[in-house]
Amino acid sequence: MLDPELLEILVCPETKTRVQLADAALLERVNRAIAGSRLTNRAGQKVVETIDGGLVREDGRLLYPIRDGIPVMLIDEALPLDGLG
């Protein structure tokens, strides 16, 4: 679980808007897309490793993955949520 104090200070590195924890349903959809080789990150690389959690940008368009309890707040590592099944 992510420390609530850390969550309060984290923002999207691109837009500087707030992020919130992804809910279980969204994580399931993201991990299904990863397992089906249907998800690429902002850098255009296919995502092959499932995620433990995620931080969704305020506008709901991007998810920053959490792996091994660590938020990956890199623009190129963000996962676009547009068109996610």
Protein backbone atom coordinates (compact mmCIF):
# COMPACT_ATOMS: atom_id res chain seq x y z
CA MET A 1 0.00 0.00 0.00
CA LEU A 2 1.18 3.49 -0.80
CA ASP A 3 1.87 5.85 2.09
CA PRO A 4 -1.01 8.39 2.25
CA GLU A 5 1.44 11.24 2.86
CA LEU A 6 3.33 10.31 -0.30
CA LEU A 7 0.08 10.18 -2.26
CA GLU A 8 -0.71 13.72 -1.11
CA ILE A 9 2.46 15.16 -2.65
CA LEU A 10 2.69 13.11 -5.85
CA VAL A 11 1.55 14.82 -9.05
CA CYS A 12 1.70 13.96 -12.73
CA PRO A 13 5.19 14.97 -13.92
CA GLU A 14 3.75 16.16 -17.23
CA THR A 15 0.77 18.29 -16.17
CA LYS A 16 1.47 18.75 -12.45
CA THR A 17 -2.11 17.67 -11.69
CA ARG A 18 -3.04 15.37 -8.82
CA VAL A 19 -3.07 11.61 -9.07
CA GLN A 20 -5.21 9.08 -7.23
CA LEU A 21 -4.93 5.37 -6.60
CA ALA A 22 -6.46 3.20 -9.30
CA ASP A 23 -9.34 1.02 -8.16
CA ALA A 24 -9.27 -2.78 -8.33
CA ALA A 25 -11.47 -2.94 -11.45
CA LEU A 26 -9.14 -0.67 -13.42
CA LEU A 27 -6.06 -2.60 -12.28
CA GLU A 28 -7.68 -5.82 -13.44
CA ARG A 29 -8.41 -4.33 -16.89
CA VAL A 30 -4.86 -2.99 -17.20
CA ASN A 31 -3.29 -6.29 -16.17
CA ARG A 32 -5.54 -8.21 -18.60
CA ALA A 33 -4.40 -5.89 -21.40
CA ILE A 34 -0.76 -6.45 -20.38
CA ALA A 35 -1.25 -10.23 -20.29
CA GLY A 36 -2.83 -10.08 -23.75
CA SER A 37 0.09 -8.02 -25.13
CA ARG A 38 -2.30 -5.18 -25.95
CA LEU A 39 -0.79 -2.33 -23.94
CA THR A 40 2.07 0.02 -24.74
CA ASN A 41 3.46 2.81 -22.61
CA ARG A 42 3.86 6.45 -23.66
CA ALA A 43 7.27 5.62 -25.16
CA GLY A 44 5.58 3.09 -27.46
CA GLN A 45 7.12 0.07 -25.76
CA LYS A 46 4.99 -3.01 -25.17
CA VAL A 47 4.34 -3.49 -21.45
CA VAL A 48 5.12 -7.07 -20.41
CA GLU A 49 5.19 -6.87 -16.60
CA THR A 50 1.90 -6.71 -14.71
CA ILE A 51 1.52 -3.97 -12.13
CA ASP A 52 0.79 -4.05 -8.39
CA GLY A 53 -1.10 -0.78 -8.44
CA GLY A 54 -1.38 2.47 -10.29
CA LEU A 55 -1.80 6.20 -9.95
CA VAL A 56 -4.36 7.72 -12.29
CA ARG A 57 -3.92 11.27 -13.49
CA GLU A 58 -6.73 13.65 -12.56
CA ASP A 59 -8.14 13.66 -16.12
CA GLY A 60 -8.23 9.83 -16.17
CA ARG A 61 -6.17 9.54 -19.35
CA LEU A 62 -2.93 8.11 -17.93
CA LEU A 63 -1.91 5.64 -15.26
CA TYR A 64 1.51 5.67 -13.65
CA PRO A 65 2.34 2.08 -12.64
CA ILE A 66 3.28 0.97 -9.15
CA ARG A 67 5.77 -1.90 -9.18
CA ASP A 68 7.04 -3.56 -6.00
CA GLY A 69 5.35 -0.79 -4.01
CA ILE A 70 7.22 1.97 -5.86
CA PRO A 71 5.37 4.51 -8.04
CA VAL A 72 7.04 4.86 -11.43
CA MET A 73 6.46 8.56 -12.10
CA LEU A 74 8.21 8.77 -15.48
CA ILE A 75 6.27 10.27 -18.40
CA ASP A 76 7.48 7.60 -20.85
CA GLU A 77 6.41 4.80 -18.47
CA ALA A 78 2.84 6.09 -18.12
CA LEU A 79 0.12 3.83 -19.50
CA PRO A 80 -2.53 5.47 -21.71
CA LEU A 81 -6.04 4.48 -20.62
CA ASP A 82 -7.80 5.65 -23.80
CA GLY A 83 -9.39 2.67 -25.49
CA LEU A 84 -8.59 0.26 -22.67
CA GLY A 85 -11.17 -2.53 -22.84
